[in-house]
Protein backbone atom coordinates (compact mmCIF):
# COMPACT_ATOMS: atom_id res chain seq x y z
CA MET A 1 -4.03 -16.13 -3.45
CA LEU A 2 -2.78 -12.55 -3.61
CA GLN A 3 0.02 -12.37 -1.02
CA LEU A 4 0.29 -9.89 1.82
CA VAL A 5 4.11 -9.93 1.72
CA LYS A 6 6.54 -11.03 -0.99
CA PRO A 7 10.31 -10.56 -1.36
CA PHE A 8 11.63 -8.60 -4.33
CA ILE A 9 14.66 -10.25 -5.93
CA PRO A 10 16.57 -8.63 -8.84
CA PRO A 11 16.57 -10.41 -12.22
CA LYS A 12 18.82 -13.47 -12.19
CA GLU A 13 20.90 -12.22 -15.12
CA GLU A 14 21.85 -9.27 -12.94
CA LEU A 15 22.14 -10.88 -9.52
CA MET A 16 23.71 -14.27 -10.25
CA PRO A 17 26.91 -13.00 -11.91
CA MET A 18 27.48 -10.70 -8.94
CA LEU A 19 26.97 -13.57 -6.49
CA GLU A 20 29.17 -15.92 -8.48
CA GLU A 21 31.96 -13.36 -8.51
CA ILE A 22 31.85 -12.84 -4.74
CA LEU A 23 31.38 -16.53 -3.88
CA TYR A 24 34.51 -17.53 -5.77
CA SER A 25 36.51 -14.42 -4.88
CA GLY A 26 38.21 -16.11 -1.95
CA TYR A 27 36.71 -13.65 0.52
CA ILE A 28 33.09 -14.06 1.57
CA ALA A 29 33.20 -12.70 5.15
CA GLU A 30 32.97 -9.00 6.04
CA GLY A 31 35.01 -7.12 3.48
CA GLU A 32 34.88 -4.58 0.68
CA ALA A 33 31.41 -5.59 -0.52
CA VAL A 34 30.08 -4.86 2.98
CA TYR A 35 31.76 -1.46 3.09
CA GLU A 36 30.51 -0.58 -0.40
CA PHE A 37 26.97 -1.57 0.59
CA GLU A 38 27.19 0.66 3.67
CA ARG A 39 28.47 3.54 1.55
CA ARG A 40 25.76 3.22 -1.09
CA PHE A 41 22.99 2.73 1.46
CA GLY A 42 24.20 5.85 3.24
CA GLU A 43 24.04 7.75 -0.05
CA TYR A 44 20.50 6.52 -0.59
CA ILE A 45 19.18 7.73 2.78
CA GLN A 46 21.61 10.68 2.86
CA ASN A 47 23.37 9.59 6.04
CA PRO A 48 26.99 8.41 5.67
CA TYR A 49 27.07 7.03 9.24
CA SER A 50 25.61 3.63 8.32
CA ILE A 51 26.78 0.36 9.88
CA SER A 52 25.58 -2.96 8.45
CA VAL A 53 24.75 -5.96 10.65
CA ASN A 54 23.34 -9.45 10.18
CA SER A 55 19.79 -8.55 11.21
CA GLY A 56 17.54 -5.70 12.22
CA THR A 57 17.46 -7.28 15.66
CA ALA A 58 21.24 -6.90 15.92
CA ALA A 59 20.92 -3.22 14.99
CA LEU A 60 18.41 -2.68 17.80
CA HIS A 61 20.60 -4.55 20.29
CA ILE A 62 23.69 -2.53 19.41
CA ALA A 63 21.72 0.71 19.79
CA LEU A 64 20.63 -0.35 23.28
CA MET A 65 24.21 -1.28 24.17
CA MET A 66 25.47 2.11 22.97
CA ILE A 67 22.92 3.86 25.17
CA GLY A 68 24.17 1.72 28.06
CA ILE A 69 20.97 -0.11 28.99
CA LYS A 70 21.52 -2.32 32.02
CA GLU A 71 19.49 -4.23 34.59
CA GLY A 72 16.78 -2.08 36.12
CA ASP A 73 16.72 0.46 33.29
CA GLU A 74 13.38 1.05 31.58
CA VAL A 75 12.75 1.39 27.87
CA ILE A 76 9.35 2.70 26.82
CA SER A 77 8.06 0.85 23.79
CA THR A 78 4.97 -0.28 21.90
CA ALA A 79 3.25 -3.65 22.03
CA LEU A 80 2.15 -3.33 18.39
CA THR A 81 5.25 -4.63 16.64
CA ALA A 82 7.13 -7.78 15.76
CA GLU A 83 8.58 -9.47 18.84
CA PRO A 84 12.29 -8.65 18.27
CA THR A 85 11.67 -4.95 18.97
CA ASN A 86 11.02 -5.76 22.62
CA ILE A 87 12.93 -9.03 23.05
CA VAL A 88 16.21 -7.14 22.55
CA ILE A 89 15.34 -4.85 25.45
CA LEU A 90 15.21 -7.92 27.69
CA LEU A 91 18.45 -9.24 26.20
CA ALA A 92 20.12 -5.95 27.07
CA GLY A 93 18.94 -6.36 30.66
CA GLY A 94 16.30 -3.65 30.52
CA LYS A 95 12.63 -3.64 31.41
CA VAL A 96 10.01 -3.11 28.72
CA VAL A 97 7.42 -0.50 29.65
CA PHE A 98 4.54 -0.63 27.21
CA SER A 99 2.97 2.69 26.35
CA ASP A 100 -0.39 3.11 24.68
CA VAL A 101 -0.96 3.95 21.03
CA ASP A 102 -2.91 6.60 19.19
CA ARG A 103 -6.34 5.01 18.66
CA LYS A 104 -6.51 6.39 15.11
CA THR A 105 -3.09 5.21 13.88
CA GLY A 106 -1.88 2.38 16.10
CA LEU A 107 1.43 4.23 16.50
CA LEU A 108 2.97 5.07 19.85
CA CYS A 109 1.20 8.01 21.54
CA PRO A 110 3.50 10.83 22.75
CA GLN A 111 1.20 11.78 25.62
CA SER A 112 1.05 8.19 26.85
CA VAL A 113 4.85 7.98 26.65
CA ARG A 114 5.16 11.19 28.67
CA GLU A 115 3.01 9.63 31.41
CA LYS A 116 5.25 6.54 31.52
CA ILE A 117 8.56 8.38 31.98
CA THR A 118 10.31 7.80 35.32
CA GLU A 119 13.82 8.37 36.66
CA ARG A 120 14.61 4.86 35.38
CA THR A 121 13.62 5.61 31.76
CA LYS A 122 16.74 5.40 29.61
CA ALA A 123 15.32 5.21 26.06
CA ILE A 124 12.18 5.41 23.95
CA MET A 125 11.69 2.77 21.27
CA LEU A 126 9.58 4.00 18.35
CA VAL A 127 8.20 1.67 15.67
CA HIS A 128 7.19 3.13 12.32
CA TYR A 129 4.67 0.36 11.97
CA ALA A 130 3.74 -0.89 8.47
CA GLY A 131 5.60 2.04 6.95
CA MET A 132 3.61 4.73 8.77
CA VAL A 133 5.73 7.34 10.54
CA CYS A 134 5.25 8.19 14.22
CA ASN A 135 4.42 11.71 15.38
CA MET A 136 8.05 12.79 15.20
CA ASP A 137 7.35 16.49 15.80
CA GLU A 138 6.10 15.59 19.27
CA PHE A 139 8.62 12.83 19.96
CA ASN A 140 11.55 15.07 19.07
CA LYS A 141 10.26 17.64 21.59
CA LEU A 142 9.83 14.92 24.21
CA SER A 143 13.35 13.57 23.65
CA THR A 144 14.86 17.04 24.01
CA GLU A 145 12.77 17.95 27.05
CA TYR A 146 13.75 14.85 29.04
CA SER A 147 17.17 14.19 27.45
CA ILE A 148 16.04 10.66 26.62
CA PRO A 149 17.42 9.13 23.41
CA ILE A 150 15.07 7.71 20.80
CA ILE A 151 15.66 4.50 18.87
CA GLU A 152 13.64 4.42 15.66
CA ASP A 153 12.73 0.87 14.65
CA ASN A 154 12.48 1.43 10.91
CA ALA A 155 12.15 -2.24 9.92
CA HIS A 156 8.83 -1.55 8.17
CA ALA A 157 9.58 1.90 6.84
CA LEU A 158 12.43 1.99 4.34
CA GLY A 159 11.51 4.85 2.01
CA SER A 160 9.24 6.64 4.50
CA ARG A 161 9.93 10.33 5.06
CA TYR A 162 9.92 12.92 7.80
CA ASN A 163 10.22 16.60 6.89
CA GLY A 164 10.80 15.51 3.32
CA MET A 165 13.85 13.41 4.19
CA LEU A 166 14.10 9.63 4.09
CA LEU A 167 14.12 8.18 7.60
CA GLY A 168 17.58 7.46 8.91
CA SER A 169 18.97 10.81 10.07
CA ASN A 170 16.49 12.22 12.58
CA SER A 171 17.30 10.34 15.80
CA GLU A 172 20.58 9.21 17.33
CA TYR A 173 19.77 5.60 16.38
CA THR A 174 17.71 4.31 13.45
CA CYS A 175 17.49 0.58 12.80
CA PHE A 176 16.63 -1.01 9.45
CA SER A 177 15.79 -4.63 8.64
CA PHE A 178 16.60 -6.43 5.39
CA GLN A 179 14.88 -9.61 6.48
CA ALA A 180 13.19 -11.74 3.83
CA ILE A 181 9.86 -9.95 3.47
CA LYS A 182 10.78 -6.28 3.95
CA HIS A 183 10.81 -3.61 1.23
CA MET A 184 14.42 -4.64 0.54
CA THR A 185 15.91 -7.98 1.47
CA THR A 186 19.48 -9.23 1.65
CA VAL A 187 17.99 -12.62 2.66
CA ASP A 188 18.69 -11.40 6.17
CA GLY A 189 20.53 -8.36 7.44
CA GLY A 190 20.13 -4.92 8.88
CA MET A 191 21.59 -1.44 9.17
CA LEU A 192 22.15 0.92 12.08
CA THR A 193 22.39 4.60 11.18
CA LEU A 194 23.99 7.04 13.58
CA LYS A 195 25.02 10.68 13.92
CA SER A 196 28.82 10.67 13.93
CA GLU A 197 31.94 8.79 12.92
CA ARG A 198 32.78 8.32 16.60
CA ALA A 199 29.46 6.51 17.12
CA CYS A 200 30.20 4.40 14.05
CA GLU A 201 33.52 3.33 15.53
CA GLN A 202 31.80 2.10 18.68
CA ALA A 203 29.12 0.29 16.66
CA ARG A 204 31.76 -1.41 14.47
CA LYS A 205 33.42 -2.82 17.55
CA LEU A 206 30.14 -3.94 19.09
CA ARG A 207 29.28 -5.88 15.93
CA TRP A 208 32.59 -7.82 15.96
CA PHE A 209 33.59 -8.97 19.47
CA GLY A 210 34.92 -5.52 20.40
CA LEU A 211 37.31 -5.45 17.43
CA ASP A 212 37.34 -3.05 14.47
CA LYS A 213 38.06 -5.14 11.38
CA LYS A 214 39.65 -2.12 9.73
CA THR A 215 42.46 -2.40 12.30
CA PRO A 216 44.90 -5.32 11.80
CA ARG A 217 43.93 -8.16 14.14
CA LEU A 218 47.40 -8.43 15.70
CA GLU A 219 47.39 -4.71 16.52
CA SER A 220 43.97 -4.66 18.21
CA ASP A 221 43.06 -4.44 21.87
CA ILE A 222 39.55 -5.38 23.02
CA THR A 223 38.42 -2.88 25.66
CA PHE A 224 34.77 -3.99 25.82
CA ALA A 225 32.96 -7.14 24.76
CA GLY A 226 31.06 -7.16 21.48
CA TYR A 227 28.98 -9.60 19.45
CA LYS A 228 29.19 -11.50 16.18
CA TYR A 229 26.68 -9.29 14.42
CA HIS A 230 28.56 -8.36 11.26
CA MET A 231 27.19 -8.66 7.71
CA ASN A 232 29.09 -10.80 5.19
CA ASN A 233 30.04 -10.08 1.59
CA VAL A 234 27.40 -12.42 0.17
CA ASN A 235 24.48 -10.66 1.87
CA ALA A 236 26.03 -7.30 1.07
CA THR A 237 26.31 -8.23 -2.60
CA ILE A 238 22.60 -9.01 -2.68
CA GLY A 239 22.04 -5.64 -1.06
CA LEU A 240 24.13 -3.89 -3.69
CA ALA A 241 22.06 -5.51 -6.42
CA GLN A 242 18.86 -4.47 -4.64
CA LEU A 243 19.68 -0.82 -4.09
CA SER A 244 19.32 0.26 -7.70
CA HIS A 245 15.80 -1.19 -7.74
CA MET A 246 14.59 0.26 -4.44
CA PRO A 247 13.32 3.63 -5.72
CA ASP A 248 11.00 1.83 -8.16
CA VAL A 249 10.00 -0.90 -5.70
CA ILE A 250 9.15 1.56 -2.94
CA GLU A 251 7.41 3.91 -5.35
CA ARG A 252 5.10 1.05 -6.34
CA HIS A 253 4.23 0.44 -2.68
CA ILE A 254 3.50 4.16 -2.29
CA ASP A 255 1.47 4.35 -5.50
CA ASN A 256 -0.68 1.40 -4.41
CA GLY A 257 -1.10 2.87 -0.93
CA LYS A 258 -2.25 6.22 -2.27
CA TYR A 259 -4.66 4.41 -4.60
CA TYR A 260 -6.30 2.77 -1.58
CA ASP A 261 -6.31 6.10 0.27
CA ASN A 262 -8.43 7.50 -2.55
CA GLU A 263 -10.56 4.48 -3.45
CA LEU A 264 -11.49 3.42 0.09
CA ARG A 265 -12.30 6.86 1.44
CA ASN A 266 -15.90 6.98 2.70
CA VAL A 267 -16.48 3.22 2.25
CA ALA A 268 -18.95 1.98 4.85
CA GLY A 269 -17.32 -0.07 7.62
CA ILE A 270 -13.81 1.27 6.87
CA SER A 271 -11.78 3.85 8.80
CA LEU A 272 -8.59 4.92 7.06
CA ILE A 273 -5.40 5.79 8.96
CA PRO A 274 -4.51 9.51 9.13
CA TYR A 275 -0.84 10.40 8.69
CA TYR A 276 0.93 12.83 11.00
CA PRO A 277 2.14 16.28 9.89
CA ASN A 278 5.44 16.29 8.01
CA THR A 279 5.37 12.51 7.48
CA GLU A 280 5.03 10.37 4.36
CA PRO A 281 4.48 6.59 4.66
CA SER A 282 6.10 4.01 2.40
CA TYR A 283 3.22 1.55 2.80
CA TRP A 284 5.08 -1.69 3.52
CA LEU A 285 1.59 -2.88 4.39
CA TYR A 286 -1.67 -1.05 3.86
CA THR A 287 -3.34 -0.68 7.25
CA MET A 288 -6.94 0.25 8.01
CA LEU A 289 -9.64 -0.28 10.62
CA VAL A 290 -12.63 -2.42 9.68
CA GLU A 291 -15.86 -3.36 11.36
CA ASN A 292 -16.44 -7.10 11.86
CA ARG A 293 -12.84 -7.97 11.04
CA ASP A 294 -13.29 -11.75 10.99
CA ASP A 295 -16.07 -11.42 8.41
CA PHE A 296 -13.91 -9.00 6.40
CA MET A 297 -10.95 -11.40 6.30
CA ARG A 298 -13.20 -14.31 5.37
CA CYS A 299 -14.67 -12.29 2.50
CA MET A 300 -11.21 -11.34 1.26
CA THR A 301 -9.99 -14.94 1.42
CA GLU A 302 -12.97 -16.07 -0.67
CA ALA A 303 -11.94 -13.46 -3.26
CA GLY A 304 -8.35 -14.76 -3.33
CA ILE A 305 -6.88 -11.91 -1.27
CA THR A 306 -4.82 -12.30 1.90
CA ALA A 307 -5.89 -9.97 4.72
CA SER A 308 -4.47 -10.23 8.23
CA PRO A 309 -3.44 -8.27 11.33
CA LEU A 310 -0.10 -10.12 10.92
CA HIS A 311 1.43 -9.40 14.35
CA LEU A 312 0.43 -10.59 17.81
CA ARG A 313 0.52 -7.69 20.22
CA ASN A 314 3.62 -8.21 22.33
CA ASP A 315 1.98 -7.72 25.72
CA ARG A 316 0.24 -11.07 25.15
CA HIS A 317 3.63 -12.80 25.59
CA SER A 318 4.27 -13.85 29.19
CA VAL A 319 8.00 -13.17 28.84
CA PHE A 320 7.31 -9.43 29.17
CA GLY A 321 5.28 -9.83 32.35
CA SER A 322 3.17 -6.86 31.33
CA SER A 323 0.32 -5.51 33.42
CA ASP A 324 0.13 -2.21 31.56
CA GLU A 325 -3.38 -1.06 30.66
CA LEU A 326 -3.53 -0.08 26.99
CA PRO A 327 -7.15 0.83 26.19
CA ASN A 328 -6.37 2.52 22.88
CA LEU A 329 -4.42 -0.51 21.70
CA ASP A 330 -7.31 -2.73 22.81
CA ASP A 331 -9.61 -0.82 20.47
CA PHE A 332 -7.14 -0.55 17.60
CA TYR A 333 -6.06 -4.19 17.77
CA ARG A 334 -9.65 -5.40 17.60
CA ASP A 335 -10.29 -3.64 14.28
CA PHE A 336 -7.04 -3.22 12.36
CA VAL A 337 -6.10 -5.29 9.32
CA HIS A 338 -3.61 -5.24 6.45
CA ILE A 339 -4.25 -5.79 2.75
CA PRO A 340 -1.69 -6.39 -0.05
CA CYS A 341 0.00 -3.19 -1.14
CA GLY A 342 3.46 -4.14 -2.40
CA TRP A 343 5.40 -4.04 -5.66
CA TRP A 344 3.71 -7.25 -6.89
CA VAL A 345 0.20 -5.75 -6.67
CA THR A 346 -0.75 -4.77 -10.22
CA ASP A 347 -3.29 -2.16 -11.29
CA ASP A 348 -5.78 -4.97 -11.92
CA ASP A 349 -5.01 -6.53 -8.51
CA ARG A 350 -5.59 -3.34 -6.57
CA ALA A 351 -8.79 -2.62 -8.48
CA HIS A 352 -9.97 -6.15 -7.57
CA ILE A 353 -9.08 -5.57 -3.90
CA ALA A 354 -10.84 -2.19 -3.72
CA GLY A 355 -13.86 -3.52 -5.62
CA THR A 356 -14.16 -6.49 -3.30
CA ILE A 357 -14.11 -4.22 -0.25
CA LYS A 358 -16.70 -1.86 -1.71
CA LYS A 359 -19.15 -4.73 -2.18
CA GLY A 360 -19.22 -5.23 1.60
CA TRP A 361 -18.71 -8.25 3.85
């Protein structure tokens, strides 16, 4: 069965010596490997203000803490995402306010967000779902107009671009995930990118009990409580091995995605996703709208191809207590589906996938 998601791992002759060296170095907690990974990741996305953590969820939580979310505060978000995006808002004490999506893309709709803003709105959570980039021209205007900070959940979108630049420098907070099945994995881990060294200092303390590990422990004073969210040297070493491969890995995702964009245009029963101005997706998953989705997925399974919507819309979870009406999401969620698009999809594989779709279902 052709997989929908699959982790890329560097060749063992490259990775294992690096892991062996760090495992027997006598220091496997947060240390120089972590700081080197942060530095090199920052070089890759062209933002030096990069703070590593042990998960993308931790990055989101720290961003919410830095904004100062507390009980009664509202964070406008999307229901089309993995659950951690919105669970962390509850953990921070905030209330999740689900906004509707653009019916054509499944991404958060700026006009719907505008309608949801109240005096209690303290942040907007954007998700660049499946590697597609939100309408950042409009969201940047909205953020400036209302002085509401944006958190970009970039878990699906390493390598995606806005205004020609890799995501990670546009908003005050951008959160990356290196969980097992993302473009790049460190087995688990994440990164929070910020706008200043001062913000980095606060984030460093929030990820380690309120302490900055670059300050000697006996000379430190905790002035606010933090978490145990740091990355360790072992995960960071995997990340260092991964970084040199990421341009090629992501380029293969993009090449496959553009192939589908061309091959599936005008196929009966298929509606392709349009991309917003000044954005370039990195195609973590290839997303499209199909008629008779259950029949489509059954046909793909019979051809040895995994096809799935993958995520349960978050407003179906009772923990959020949502009563928001989301008619555009209702329509999009009924029809959307993902097909394999990643680095493991060969030229023959993608031709098989496109050919299968063209035959109908």
